[in-house]
Protein backbone atom coordinates (compact mmCIF):
# COMPACT_ATOMS: atom_id res chain seq x y z
CA UNK A 1 5.23 41.52 14.80
CA UNK A 2 3.74 39.40 12.05
CA UNK A 3 6.83 37.16 12.09
CA UNK A 4 6.50 36.79 15.85
CA UNK A 5 2.83 35.70 15.55
CA UNK A 6 3.74 33.24 12.78
CA UNK A 7 6.58 31.84 14.90
CA UNK A 8 4.22 31.49 17.89
CA UNK A 9 1.66 29.66 15.73
CA UNK A 10 4.36 27.26 14.50
CA UNK A 11 5.40 26.57 18.09
CA UNK A 12 1.78 25.98 19.13
CA UNK A 13 1.23 23.53 16.28
CA UNK A 14 4.47 21.74 17.15
CA UNK A 15 3.34 21.43 20.78
CA UNK A 16 -0.02 19.98 19.72
CA UNK A 17 1.69 17.49 17.45
CA UNK A 18 4.00 16.42 20.27
CA UNK A 19 1.03 16.12 22.64
CA UNK A 20 -0.79 13.85 20.19
CA UNK A 21 2.25 11.66 19.84
CA UNK A 22 2.67 11.39 23.61
CA UNK A 23 -0.92 11.53 24.96
CA UNK A 24 -3.23 8.54 24.62
CA UNK A 25 -6.27 10.71 25.34
CA UNK A 26 -5.35 13.16 22.61
CA UNK A 27 -4.85 10.33 20.15
CA UNK A 28 -8.27 8.88 21.00
CA UNK A 29 -9.80 12.31 20.40
CA UNK A 30 -8.09 12.51 17.01
CA UNK A 31 -9.43 9.04 16.15
CA UNK A 32 -12.95 10.20 17.06
CA UNK A 33 -12.55 13.20 14.73
CA UNK A 34 -11.38 10.84 11.98
CA UNK A 35 -14.46 8.70 12.65
CA UNK A 36 -16.79 11.68 12.34
CA UNK A 37 -15.21 12.53 8.98
CA UNK A 38 -15.40 8.91 7.85
CA UNK A 39 -19.11 8.69 8.79
CA UNK A 40 -19.91 11.88 6.91
CA UNK A 41 -17.98 10.77 3.82
CA UNK A 42 -19.64 7.32 3.86
CA UNK A 43 -23.12 8.83 3.88
CA UNK A 44 -22.14 11.32 1.16
CA UNK A 45 -20.77 8.60 -1.13
CA UNK A 46 -23.87 6.48 -0.49
CA UNK A 47 -26.17 9.36 -1.35
CA UNK A 48 -24.27 10.13 -4.58
CA UNK A 49 -24.27 6.51 -5.79
CA UNK A 50 -27.93 5.95 -4.97
CA UNK A 51 -28.79 9.31 -6.49
CA UNK A 52 -27.16 8.15 -9.73
CA UNK A 53 -29.20 4.95 -9.64
CA UNK A 54 -32.37 6.92 -9.09
CA UNK A 55 -31.48 9.27 -11.96
CA UNK A 56 -30.48 6.52 -14.38
CA UNK A 57 -33.03 3.84 -13.49
CA UNK A 58 -35.82 5.76 -11.76
CA UNK A 59 -35.81 3.48 -8.71
CA UNK A 60 -36.08 4.37 -5.05
CA UNK A 61 -32.84 4.51 -3.10
CA UNK A 62 -31.15 1.16 -2.49
CA UNK A 63 -33.69 -0.91 -4.41
CA UNK A 64 -32.12 -1.32 -7.88
CA UNK A 65 -31.41 -5.04 -7.48
CA UNK A 66 -34.93 -5.61 -6.06
CA UNK A 67 -36.69 -4.82 -9.36
CA UNK A 68 -38.85 -7.63 -10.58
CA UNK A 69 -37.97 -6.94 -14.20
CA UNK A 70 -36.62 -4.19 -16.40
CA UNK A 71 -39.70 -2.50 -17.90
CA UNK A 72 -37.62 -0.11 -20.00
CA UNK A 73 -34.60 -2.06 -21.26
CA UNK A 74 -33.09 1.07 -22.81
CA UNK A 75 -32.32 2.25 -19.26
CA UNK A 76 -29.70 -0.48 -19.07
CA UNK A 77 -27.59 1.64 -21.43
CA UNK A 78 -26.59 3.26 -18.16
CA UNK A 79 -24.13 0.36 -17.78
CA UNK A 80 -21.98 1.17 -20.85
CA UNK A 81 -22.55 4.88 -20.18
CA UNK A 82 -20.98 4.39 -16.74
CA UNK A 83 -18.16 2.47 -18.43
CA UNK A 84 -17.65 5.44 -20.77
CA UNK A 85 -17.36 7.76 -17.77
CA UNK A 86 -14.68 5.47 -16.36
CA UNK A 87 -12.82 5.54 -19.66
CA UNK A 88 -12.93 9.36 -19.73
CA UNK A 89 -11.79 9.51 -16.12
CA UNK A 90 -8.89 7.14 -16.88
CA UNK A 91 -7.83 9.26 -19.84
CA UNK A 92 -7.99 12.37 -17.70
CA UNK A 93 -5.62 10.58 -15.31
CA UNK A 94 -3.47 9.27 -18.12
CA UNK A 95 -0.32 10.91 -16.82
CA UNK A 96 -0.46 8.88 -13.61
CA UNK A 97 1.98 6.01 -14.12
CA UNK A 98 1.16 4.17 -10.89
CA UNK A 99 -1.86 2.32 -9.52
CA UNK A 100 -3.65 4.12 -6.64
CA UNK A 101 -2.72 2.92 -3.14
CA UNK A 102 -5.61 1.37 -1.19
CA UNK A 103 -5.86 1.21 2.60
CA UNK A 104 -4.67 -2.40 2.96
CA UNK A 105 -1.62 -1.78 0.78
CA UNK A 106 -0.95 1.53 2.56
CA UNK A 107 -0.88 -0.09 5.99
CA UNK A 108 1.13 -3.11 4.86
CA UNK A 109 3.77 -1.31 2.79
CA UNK A 110 3.68 2.44 3.36
CA UNK A 111 3.17 2.87 7.08
CA UNK A 112 -0.38 4.21 6.57
CA UNK A 113 0.60 6.94 4.11
CA UNK A 114 -1.97 7.39 1.31
CA UNK A 115 -1.78 10.19 -1.29
CA UNK A 116 -5.09 12.00 -1.04
CA UNK A 117 -5.57 12.04 -4.81
CA UNK A 118 -5.57 8.23 -4.69
CA UNK A 119 -8.57 8.35 -2.35
CA UNK A 120 -10.46 10.56 -4.76
CA UNK A 121 -9.62 8.35 -7.75
CA UNK A 122 -10.73 5.12 -6.07
CA UNK A 123 -13.88 6.67 -4.61
CA UNK A 124 -14.88 8.29 -7.92
CA UNK A 125 -14.38 5.08 -9.90
CA UNK A 126 -16.33 3.04 -7.34
CA UNK A 127 -19.26 5.47 -7.12
CA UNK A 128 -19.53 5.66 -10.93
CA UNK A 129 -19.40 1.85 -11.22
CA UNK A 130 -22.01 1.21 -8.53
CA UNK A 131 -24.21 4.11 -9.59
CA UNK A 132 -24.29 2.80 -13.18
CA UNK A 133 -25.45 -0.59 -11.91
CA UNK A 134 -22.28 -2.70 -12.20
CA UNK A 135 -22.15 -5.66 -9.86
CA UNK A 136 -19.79 -4.14 -7.32
CA UNK A 137 -20.20 -2.70 -3.85
CA UNK A 138 -19.40 0.71 -2.37
CA UNK A 139 -17.57 -0.62 0.67
CA UNK A 140 -14.19 -0.20 -1.02
CA UNK A 141 -14.91 3.51 -1.49
CA UNK A 142 -16.12 3.86 2.10
CA UNK A 143 -13.00 2.28 3.57
CA UNK A 144 -10.73 4.18 1.20
CA UNK A 145 -12.11 7.60 2.03
CA UNK A 146 -12.37 6.84 5.74
CA UNK A 147 -8.81 5.56 5.92
CA UNK A 148 -7.63 8.27 3.54
CA UNK A 149 -8.91 11.19 5.58
CA UNK A 150 -7.44 9.56 8.72
CA UNK A 151 -4.08 9.27 6.93
CA UNK A 152 -4.15 12.96 6.06
CA UNK A 153 -4.89 13.90 9.67
CA UNK A 154 -2.15 11.65 10.99
CA UNK A 155 0.42 12.95 8.54
CA UNK A 156 -0.45 16.56 9.37
CA UNK A 157 0.16 15.80 13.06
CA UNK A 158 3.33 13.85 12.15
CA UNK A 159 2.27 10.71 14.00
CA UNK A 160 4.67 7.83 14.47
CA UNK A 161 4.42 5.03 11.92
CA UNK A 162 2.40 2.61 14.07
CA UNK A 163 0.08 5.35 15.35
CA UNK A 164 -0.62 6.38 11.76
CA UNK A 165 -1.41 2.80 10.78
CA UNK A 166 -3.80 2.54 13.74
CA UNK A 167 -5.49 5.81 12.78
CA UNK A 168 -5.90 4.68 9.14
CA UNK A 169 -7.48 1.42 10.35
CA UNK A 170 -9.75 3.35 12.70
CA UNK A 171 -10.92 5.61 9.86
CA UNK A 172 -11.56 2.72 7.48
CA UNK A 173 -13.33 0.71 10.17
CA UNK A 174 -15.44 3.70 11.13
CA UNK A 175 -16.56 4.05 7.53
CA UNK A 176 -17.65 0.39 7.36
CA UNK A 177 -19.38 0.72 10.72
CA UNK A 178 -21.24 3.78 9.46
CA UNK A 179 -22.32 1.93 6.29
CA UNK A 180 -24.03 -0.82 8.30
CA UNK A 181 -24.87 1.12 11.45
CA UNK A 182 -22.72 -1.45 13.26
CA UNK A 183 -19.91 -0.05 15.42
CA UNK A 184 -18.45 -3.41 16.52
CA UNK A 185 -18.32 -4.59 12.91
CA UNK A 186 -16.39 -1.47 12.00
CA UNK A 187 -13.94 -1.99 14.86
CA UNK A 188 -13.26 -5.62 13.93
CA UNK A 189 -12.93 -4.63 10.28
CA UNK A 190 -10.21 -2.19 11.32
CA UNK A 191 -8.34 -4.80 13.36
CA UNK A 192 -8.64 -7.81 11.04
CA UNK A 193 -8.59 -6.32 7.57
CA UNK A 194 -6.76 -2.97 7.76
CA UNK A 195 -4.41 -3.06 10.77
CA UNK A 196 -3.75 -6.79 10.86
CA UNK A 197 -3.63 -7.42 14.60
CA UNK A 198 -5.38 -6.71 17.90
CA UNK A 199 -3.46 -4.58 20.40
CA UNK A 200 -4.68 -3.13 23.70
CA UNK A 201 -3.34 0.32 22.79
CA UNK A 202 -5.46 0.39 19.60
CA UNK A 203 -8.80 -0.68 21.09
CA UNK A 204 -9.84 2.73 22.43
CA UNK A 205 -9.01 4.82 19.33
CA UNK A 206 -10.54 2.28 16.97
CA UNK A 207 -13.76 2.05 18.98
CA UNK A 208 -13.88 5.85 19.31
CA UNK A 209 -13.67 6.21 15.55
CA UNK A 210 -16.26 3.51 14.88
CA UNK A 211 -18.77 4.90 17.41
CA UNK A 212 -18.28 8.43 16.09
CA UNK A 213 -18.83 7.32 12.52
CA UNK A 214 -21.99 5.37 13.37
CA UNK A 215 -23.31 8.35 15.34
CA UNK A 216 -23.14 10.41 12.16
CA UNK A 217 -25.29 7.85 10.36
CA UNK A 218 -27.82 7.88 13.20
CA UNK A 219 -27.91 11.69 13.31
CA UNK A 220 -28.64 11.76 9.57
CA UNK A 221 -31.65 9.54 10.19
CA UNK A 222 -30.33 6.44 8.39
CA UNK A 223 -31.63 3.17 9.75
CA UNK A 224 -29.12 0.46 10.78
CA UNK A 225 -28.91 -2.58 8.56
CA UNK A 226 -31.22 -5.19 10.19
CA UNK A 227 -32.40 -8.69 9.25
CA UNK A 228 -35.18 -10.42 11.17
CA UNK A 229 -34.64 -13.96 12.43
CA UNK A 230 -36.60 -16.60 14.29
CA UNK A 231 -37.24 -15.69 17.91
CA UNK A 232 -36.76 -19.04 19.60
CA UNK A 233 -34.89 -22.17 18.51
CA UNK A 234 -32.05 -24.36 19.70
CA UNK A 235 -29.10 -25.56 17.66
CA UNK A 236 -28.17 -29.19 18.24
CA UNK A 237 -25.00 -31.04 17.19
CA UNK A 238 -26.41 -32.03 13.75
CA UNK A 239 -27.17 -28.36 13.06
CA UNK A 240 -23.57 -27.41 13.85
CA UNK A 241 -22.26 -30.16 11.58
CA UNK A 242 -24.51 -29.02 8.75
CA UNK A 243 -23.45 -25.39 9.12
CA UNK A 244 -19.80 -26.40 9.26
CA UNK A 245 -20.35 -28.19 5.95
CA UNK A 246 -21.98 -25.02 4.60
CA UNK A 247 -18.94 -23.04 5.72
CA UNK A 248 -16.64 -25.44 3.86
CA UNK A 249 -18.78 -25.18 0.69
CA UNK A 250 -18.72 -21.39 0.94
CA UNK A 251 -14.93 -21.44 1.21
CA UNK A 252 -14.71 -23.50 -1.98
CA UNK A 253 -17.06 -21.16 -3.84
CA UNK A 254 -15.18 -18.10 -2.53
CA UNK A 255 -11.85 -19.45 -3.75
CA UNK A 256 -13.35 -20.31 -7.12
CA UNK A 257 -14.74 -16.78 -7.48
CA UNK A 258 -11.35 -15.21 -6.73
CA UNK A 259 -9.61 -17.51 -9.18
CA UNK A 260 -12.18 -16.85 -11.89
CA UNK A 261 -11.92 -13.07 -11.43
CA UNK A 262 -8.13 -13.29 -11.77
CA UNK A 263 -8.39 -15.53 -14.84
CA UNK A 264 -10.96 -13.26 -16.50
CA UNK A 265 -8.90 -10.13 -15.77
CA UNK A 266 -5.86 -11.66 -17.42
CA UNK A 267 -7.81 -12.81 -20.48
CA UNK A 268 -9.65 -9.51 -20.91
CA UNK A 269 -6.41 -7.58 -20.34
CA UNK A 270 -4.85 -9.46 -23.27
CA UNK A 271 -7.51 -8.19 -25.72
CA UNK A 272 -5.60 -5.27 -27.15
CA UNK A 273 -8.45 -4.20 -29.45
CA UNK A 274 -10.60 -3.11 -26.52
CA UNK A 275 -7.75 -2.07 -24.21
CA UNK A 276 -8.96 1.52 -23.84
CA UNK A 277 -12.68 0.71 -23.85
CA UNK A 278 -13.01 -2.27 -21.54
CA UNK A 279 -15.62 -0.73 -19.17
CA UNK A 280 -17.83 0.26 -22.10
CA UNK A 281 -17.67 -3.26 -23.58
CA UNK A 282 -18.23 -4.72 -20.13
CA UNK A 283 -21.32 -2.55 -19.71
CA UNK A 284 -22.82 -3.97 -22.88
CA UNK A 285 -21.96 -7.53 -21.78
CA UNK A 286 -23.79 -6.95 -18.47
CA UNK A 287 -27.04 -5.90 -20.17
CA UNK A 288 -28.23 -9.45 -21.06
CA UNK A 289 -27.57 -10.60 -17.50
CA UNK A 290 -29.58 -7.71 -16.12
CA UNK A 291 -32.44 -8.53 -18.51
CA UNK A 292 -32.42 -12.13 -17.26
CA UNK A 293 -32.41 -10.96 -13.62
CA UNK A 294 -32.16 -7.40 -12.28
CA UNK A 295 -30.70 -8.98 -9.12
CA UNK A 296 -27.36 -8.95 -10.93
CA UNK A 297 -27.32 -5.14 -10.78
CA UNK A 298 -25.40 -3.17 -8.15
CA UNK A 299 -24.22 -4.82 -4.93
CA UNK A 300 -27.50 -6.63 -4.17
CA UNK A 301 -28.91 -4.92 -1.05
CA UNK A 302 -32.49 -4.93 -2.27
CA UNK A 303 -32.26 -8.41 -3.79
CA UNK A 304 -30.97 -9.91 -0.56
CA UNK A 305 -33.96 -8.72 1.46
CA UNK A 306 -36.38 -9.58 -1.34
CA UNK A 307 -35.21 -13.20 -1.57
CA UNK A 308 -35.26 -13.66 2.20
CA UNK A 309 -38.82 -12.39 2.32
CA UNK A 310 -40.23 -14.24 -0.73
CA UNK A 311 -38.42 -17.60 -0.32
CA UNK A 312 -38.19 -18.26 -4.08
CA UNK A 313 -37.75 -21.69 -5.69
CA UNK A 314 -34.39 -23.43 -5.58
CA UNK A 315 -34.02 -23.22 -9.35
CA UNK A 316 -34.48 -19.47 -9.19
CA UNK A 317 -31.89 -19.16 -6.41
CA UNK A 318 -29.39 -21.28 -8.32
CA UNK A 319 -29.89 -19.21 -11.49
CA UNK A 320 -29.44 -15.93 -9.61
CA UNK A 321 -26.34 -17.27 -7.89
CA UNK A 322 -24.68 -18.14 -11.20
CA UNK A 323 -25.80 -14.90 -12.87
CA UNK A 324 -24.57 -12.78 -9.94
CA UNK A 325 -21.17 -14.49 -9.95
CA UNK A 326 -20.94 -13.91 -13.69
CA UNK A 327 -21.97 -10.25 -13.31
CA UNK A 328 -19.38 -9.65 -10.58
CA UNK A 329 -16.62 -11.33 -12.61
CA UNK A 330 -17.51 -9.31 -15.73
CA UNK A 331 -17.74 -6.07 -13.80
CA UNK A 332 -14.32 -6.43 -12.22
CA UNK A 333 -12.49 -7.95 -15.16
CA UNK A 334 -13.75 -5.30 -17.60
CA UNK A 335 -12.56 -2.39 -15.44
CA UNK A 336 -15.47 -1.39 -13.20
CA UNK A 337 -14.17 -0.42 -9.78
CA UNK A 338 -15.49 -1.70 -6.45
CA UNK A 339 -15.30 -4.50 -3.97
CA UNK A 340 -17.05 -7.78 -3.31
CA UNK A 341 -17.95 -7.14 0.31
CA UNK A 342 -21.71 -6.84 -0.02
CA UNK A 343 -21.82 -8.85 -3.24
CA UNK A 344 -20.29 -11.73 -1.28
CA UNK A 345 -22.92 -11.25 1.45
CA UNK A 346 -25.66 -11.56 -1.18
CA UNK A 347 -24.02 -14.57 -2.82
CA UNK A 348 -23.61 -16.17 0.60
CA UNK A 349 -27.31 -15.68 1.35
CA UNK A 350 -28.17 -17.45 -1.92
CA UNK A 351 -25.77 -20.28 -1.05
CA UNK A 352 -27.35 -20.66 2.40
CA UNK A 353 -30.90 -20.76 1.07
CA UNK A 354 -29.93 -23.30 -1.59
CA UNK A 355 -28.16 -25.43 1.01
CA UNK A 356 -31.16 -25.34 3.36
CA UNK A 357 -33.53 -26.26 0.55
CA UNK A 358 -31.43 -29.26 -0.49
CA UNK A 359 -31.02 -30.45 3.11
CA UNK A 360 -34.75 -30.13 3.77
CA UNK A 361 -35.54 -32.11 0.61
CA UNK A 362 -33.05 -34.88 1.39
CA UNK A 363 -34.20 -38.21 2.85
CA UNK A 364 -31.96 -37.70 5.93
CA UNK A 365 -34.83 -36.32 7.99
CA UNK A 366 -32.90 -33.17 8.89
CA UNK A 367 -34.31 -29.67 8.59
CA UNK A 368 -32.73 -26.25 8.94
CA UNK A 369 -34.26 -22.82 8.68
CA UNK A 370 -33.52 -21.18 5.26
CA UNK A 371 -33.25 -17.77 6.90
CA UNK A 372 -30.66 -18.98 9.40
CA UNK A 373 -28.77 -20.79 6.65
CA UNK A 374 -28.77 -17.60 4.56
CA UNK A 375 -27.21 -15.65 7.41
CA UNK A 376 -24.60 -18.32 8.04
CA UNK A 377 -23.85 -18.44 4.30
CA UNK A 378 -23.51 -14.65 4.21
CA UNK A 379 -20.84 -14.71 6.87
CA UNK A 380 -19.03 -17.82 5.61
CA UNK A 381 -18.73 -16.78 1.96
CA UNK A 382 -17.76 -13.19 2.86
CA UNK A 383 -15.04 -14.48 5.20
CA UNK A 384 -13.59 -16.55 2.36
CA UNK A 385 -13.48 -13.55 0.00
CA UNK A 386 -13.05 -10.54 2.28
CA UNK A 387 -11.32 -12.10 5.29
CA UNK A 388 -12.00 -11.26 8.93
CA UNK A 389 -13.99 -14.07 10.61
CA UNK A 390 -14.81 -11.97 13.68
CA UNK A 391 -15.82 -9.01 11.51
CA UNK A 392 -18.44 -11.05 9.70
CA UNK A 393 -19.59 -12.91 12.77
CA UNK A 394 -20.12 -9.66 14.64
CA UNK A 395 -21.86 -8.16 11.58
CA UNK A 396 -24.39 -11.01 11.73
CA UNK A 397 -24.89 -10.33 15.44
CA UNK A 398 -25.39 -6.59 14.95
CA UNK A 399 -27.73 -7.03 11.98
CA UNK A 400 -29.89 -9.70 13.64
CA UNK A 401 -29.50 -9.04 17.40
CA UNK A 402 -29.64 -12.85 17.63
CA UNK A 403 -27.15 -14.31 20.11
CA UNK A 404 -28.39 -17.85 19.57
CA UNK A 405 -27.24 -17.71 15.95
CA UNK A 406 -23.68 -16.66 16.87
CA UNK A 407 -22.51 -20.20 17.66
CA UNK A 408 -23.24 -21.67 14.24
CA UNK A 409 -22.09 -18.48 12.49
CA UNK A 410 -18.72 -18.64 14.27
CA UNK A 411 -18.34 -22.34 13.52
CA UNK A 412 -19.01 -21.81 9.80
CA UNK A 413 -16.85 -18.68 9.49
CA UNK A 414 -13.89 -20.23 11.27
CA UNK A 415 -14.02 -23.27 9.00
CA UNK A 416 -14.34 -21.10 5.91
CA UNK A 417 -11.47 -18.85 7.03
CA UNK A 418 -9.19 -21.76 7.90
CA UNK A 419 -9.80 -23.56 4.60
CA UNK A 420 -9.24 -20.41 2.57
CA UNK A 421 -6.01 -19.59 4.36
CA UNK A 422 -4.74 -23.16 4.11
CA UNK A 423 -5.61 -23.74 0.43
CA UNK A 424 -5.57 -20.24 -1.08
CA UNK A 425 -3.74 -17.99 1.35
CA UNK A 426 -5.21 -14.65 0.25
CA UNK A 427 -8.26 -12.44 0.70
CA UNK A 428 -9.70 -10.79 -2.40
CA UNK A 429 -7.86 -7.51 -1.84
CA UNK A 430 -4.48 -9.13 -1.13
CA UNK A 431 -4.96 -11.57 -4.01
CA UNK A 432 -5.40 -8.67 -6.45
CA UNK A 433 -2.28 -7.02 -5.03
CA UNK A 434 -0.43 -10.33 -5.43
CA UNK A 435 -1.39 -10.39 -9.11
CA UNK A 436 0.20 -6.97 -9.44
CA UNK A 437 3.48 -8.39 -8.07
CA UNK A 438 3.09 -7.54 -4.37
CA UNK A 439 4.09 -9.96 -1.59
CA UNK A 440 1.26 -8.84 0.71
CA UNK A 441 -0.75 -11.62 2.35
CA UNK A 442 -2.26 -9.53 5.14
CA UNK A 443 -2.30 -5.91 6.30
CA UNK A 444 0.54 -6.53 8.78
CA UNK A 445 3.31 -3.95 8.44
CA UNK A 446 6.01 -5.34 6.12
CA UNK A 447 6.91 -1.95 4.69
CA UNK A 448 10.30 -1.82 6.40
CA UNK A 449 11.17 -5.29 5.19
CA UNK A 450 10.18 -4.66 1.55
CA UNK A 451 12.23 -1.43 1.43
CA UNK A 452 15.23 -3.18 2.98
CA UNK A 453 16.73 -4.31 -0.34
CA UNK A 454 20.14 -5.59 -1.33
CA UNK A 455 20.85 -2.24 -2.97
CA UNK A 456 20.21 -0.48 0.36
CA UNK A 457 22.16 -2.70 2.71
CA UNK A 458 25.17 -3.64 0.52
CA UNK A 459 28.64 -2.34 1.20
CA UNK A 460 30.88 -1.00 -1.54
CA UNK A 461 34.35 -1.51 -0.06
CA UNK A 462 34.95 -4.83 -1.81
CA UNK A 463 38.21 -6.02 -3.39
CA UNK A 464 38.30 -7.45 -6.91
CA UNK A 465 40.84 -9.53 -8.80
CA UNK A 466 41.16 -10.62 -12.41
CA UNK A 467 40.02 -14.13 -13.29
CA UNK A 468 43.23 -14.80 -15.22
CA UNK A 469 45.42 -14.42 -12.11
CA UNK A 470 47.51 -17.22 -10.75
CA UNK A 471 47.47 -18.12 -7.08
CA UNK A 472 50.88 -16.52 -6.65
CA UNK A 473 49.74 -13.27 -8.23
CA UNK A 474 46.67 -13.32 -6.03
CA UNK A 475 48.82 -13.70 -2.91
CA UNK A 476 50.86 -10.70 -3.93
CA UNK A 477 47.80 -8.55 -4.72
CA UNK A 478 45.69 -9.65 -1.73
CA UNK A 479 47.90 -10.38 1.28
CA UNK A 480 46.46 -11.99 4.39
CA UNK A 481 44.68 -9.43 6.56
CA UNK A 482 43.65 -7.19 3.66
CA UNK A 483 40.22 -8.79 3.12
CA UNK A 484 38.52 -12.08 3.93
CA UNK A 485 37.24 -12.54 0.35
CA UNK A 486 37.88 -11.11 -3.10
CA UNK A 487 35.50 -10.79 -6.04
CA UNK A 488 36.59 -12.54 -9.18
CA UNK A 489 35.97 -10.65 -12.45
CA UNK A 490 36.44 -11.20 -16.16
CA UNK A 491 38.41 -8.74 -18.23
CA UNK A 492 35.15 -6.95 -19.07
CA UNK A 493 34.10 -6.72 -15.41
CA UNK A 494 31.64 -9.64 -15.42
CA UNK A 495 31.22 -11.40 -12.08
CA UNK A 496 32.75 -14.90 -11.90
CA UNK A 497 32.61 -15.82 -8.21
CA UNK A 498 34.13 -15.13 -4.80
CA UNK A 499 37.61 -16.29 -3.73
CA UNK A 500 38.21 -16.81 0.04
CA UNK A 501 41.60 -15.27 0.81
CA UNK A 502 42.54 -18.03 3.26
CA UNK A 503 41.94 -20.70 0.59
CA UNK A 504 44.48 -19.05 -1.75
CA UNK A 505 47.14 -19.20 0.96
CA UNK A 506 46.82 -22.92 1.59
CA UNK A 507 50.37 -24.33 1.68
CA UNK A 508 49.56 -27.28 -0.60
CA UNK A 509 48.53 -24.98 -3.48
CA UNK A 510 50.83 -24.53 -6.50
CA UNK A 511 51.45 -20.74 -6.90
CA UNK A 512 51.23 -21.18 -10.67
CA UNK A 513 47.73 -22.70 -10.57
CA UNK A 514 44.77 -20.49 -11.63
CA UNK A 515 43.02 -18.72 -8.81
CA UNK A 516 39.70 -19.14 -10.71
CA UNK A 517 39.66 -22.76 -9.54
CA UNK A 518 39.09 -21.52 -5.99
CA UNK A 519 36.04 -19.38 -6.81
CA UNK A 520 32.84 -20.13 -4.93
CA UNK A 521 29.25 -19.29 -5.90
CA UNK A 522 30.05 -18.27 -9.49
CA UNK A 523 26.40 -18.51 -10.53
CA UNK A 524 24.83 -17.15 -7.35
CA UNK A 525 24.35 -13.43 -6.77
CA UNK A 526 21.93 -10.83 -5.48
CA UNK A 527 20.11 -8.13 -7.44
CA UNK A 528 19.66 -4.60 -6.04
CA UNK A 529 15.85 -4.85 -5.82
CA UNK A 530 15.77 -8.14 -3.87
CA UNK A 531 14.05 -7.72 -0.49
CA UNK A 532 15.54 -8.92 2.79
CA UNK A 533 13.52 -12.13 2.95
CA UNK A 534 14.63 -13.14 -0.56
CA UNK A 535 18.19 -12.28 0.39
CA UNK A 536 18.12 -14.51 3.47
CA UNK A 537 16.49 -17.33 1.53
CA UNK A 538 19.26 -17.19 -1.08
CA UNK A 539 21.92 -17.24 1.66
CA UNK A 540 20.33 -20.39 3.09
CA UNK A 541 20.05 -22.10 -0.30
CA UNK A 542 23.63 -21.28 -1.31
CA UNK A 543 25.09 -21.94 2.16
CA UNK A 544 27.04 -18.69 1.67
CA UNK A 545 28.20 -16.12 4.18
CA UNK A 546 28.73 -13.39 1.59
CA UNK A 547 27.23 -12.69 -1.84
CA UNK A 548 27.84 -10.14 -4.55
CA UNK A 549 25.19 -7.68 -5.77
CA UNK A 550 25.06 -7.41 -9.58
CA UNK A 551 23.55 -4.88 -11.95
CA UNK A 552 21.80 -5.68 -15.23
CA UNK A 553 25.12 -6.29 -16.98
CA UNK A 554 26.31 -8.72 -14.26
CA UNK A 555 28.82 -6.18 -13.02
CA UNK A 556 29.42 -6.08 -9.27
CA UNK A 557 28.08 -2.99 -7.51
CA UNK A 558 28.34 -4.21 -3.90
CA UNK A 559 28.58 -7.05 -1.44
CA UNK A 560 26.18 -8.24 1.27
CA UNK A 561 27.27 -10.38 4.23
CA UNK A 562 24.88 -12.88 5.74
CA UNK A 563 25.52 -11.73 9.34
CA UNK A 564 24.88 -8.09 8.42
CA UNK A 565 21.67 -8.98 6.53
CA UNK A 566 20.29 -11.04 9.41
CA UNK A 567 21.12 -8.31 11.93
CA UNK A 568 19.30 -5.71 9.85
CA UNK A 569 16.31 -8.03 9.50
CA UNK A 570 15.96 -8.69 13.23
CA UNK A 571 16.49 -5.00 14.02
CA UNK A 572 13.51 -4.20 11.75
CA UNK A 573 11.39 -6.87 13.41
CA UNK A 574 12.30 -5.61 16.89
CA UNK A 575 11.47 -2.05 15.91
CA UNK A 576 8.07 -3.17 14.62
CA UNK A 577 7.42 -5.05 17.86
CA UNK A 578 8.32 -2.01 19.95
CA UNK A 579 5.83 0.09 18.00
CA UNK A 580 3.25 -2.71 18.14
CA UNK A 581 3.22 -2.60 21.93
CA UNK A 582 3.29 1.17 22.13
CA UNK A 583 6.91 1.72 22.98
CA UNK A 584 8.86 4.60 21.54
CA UNK A 585 11.24 3.59 18.79
């Protein structure tokens, strides 16, 4: 009887899984559940991090960076103490040989599959870093946990690859929407930064997740993130031109920040003496910056509002801008975990206020509102670093409720995005993955292509001949019709090229001549780990229709034909397109 009940339960679960895979309504409901979980996790992580700041610094929630000065400098020892916690956590995870998978990498390479322990590791490191006061934001932890719990749900229901990617994006977007109380921002974050494209089939589940997540924030009594703007004004052509210039300047600063972070990480990583203690050392290095300006602490929520309200002097804004960039670079390069989402918003607001002040002081007779410029700068600099022009433009709309501002915000963000893509080509998350050796430039699904390697698609039914053979001996060993090409090898098995069988049977050839003279592509070969795009590039460069695959000793382990490689490549692209438009693979 017990076996019968267990069998019935298994059948019921299988039916529900099949229904989710086949029913759009059921999938939307699952996305809403993922959104509820993402909203709850976002608020929990926020409460933990701000609770740590309150415990360590004695400040009210979300106001650490708004302190006028540090009255008790000894409290800044929380920075190296947080670094020590990260060191202990890293040592506790010492057996893990791989880097945790984040949501962008998961959707681009792994079809949305994220090991749940990776979510816990990234969230823990980010909360500790932000709670201790390091200049990083919590948004990375929000998106990771939101996308991570969605990945677990999707894997439990055995969703198809593209549905799982959509659900992961919906969970991550819901978490960001919950953080700002901005459902449209969360939806566009999912599309632009986690999923990588807009599709009609994904709109409903992504919006369901985002609305569900934001509803959790509202039910918990948290106020949406709002910034007041001027009530009435018109933007003329000179205003648009000025804000486009601001967008271009923000793109330059964003690219410089990403380059400097990468340079600092490489230099700090080369210091072997502090290899195991980088966060602790980084915590001590951050203390003087925090003493100069507490606005360098944490992500900068409080400081952003404070500066917008007080309208400080340009010299103060410039100093804070440089100090905040330095604090963010130090935090990330010395091993604190987190993102630059909100930090880039704060830096952009400083850029905008500086830009407005300089324009208003210039003899050109032009004036722009510093508050408007701050909002445009927030969006433009964040687009350069984070990516997602519509995400940031909609965030400005939802945080200001100001439709008049949307025109100049869109103009600046599109210019910033275009310049960053053209000159740099990466967002901050994909740039860091690139530094680790990944080929990711966006969250688009390239997982099938990266796993389609020469070692996977090669054939092993190749024919080999000895390099010392004469043409006559070759003709006897490899008669016409046996194979189109033969692999030429040394006595020790080393690859020496490919001999076309037809070429050896040319009537003008002397049978006593060496067959090695007919070998083609002796110095060109594939390696087992080469991905399909690298394979096709090498075929084009070598003008070859067949190449050998060699191991580390230059011994042949297989052969790949150009026609076969291209067919496999286009089959993978077609399968991705079928899933993209909701067709069954």
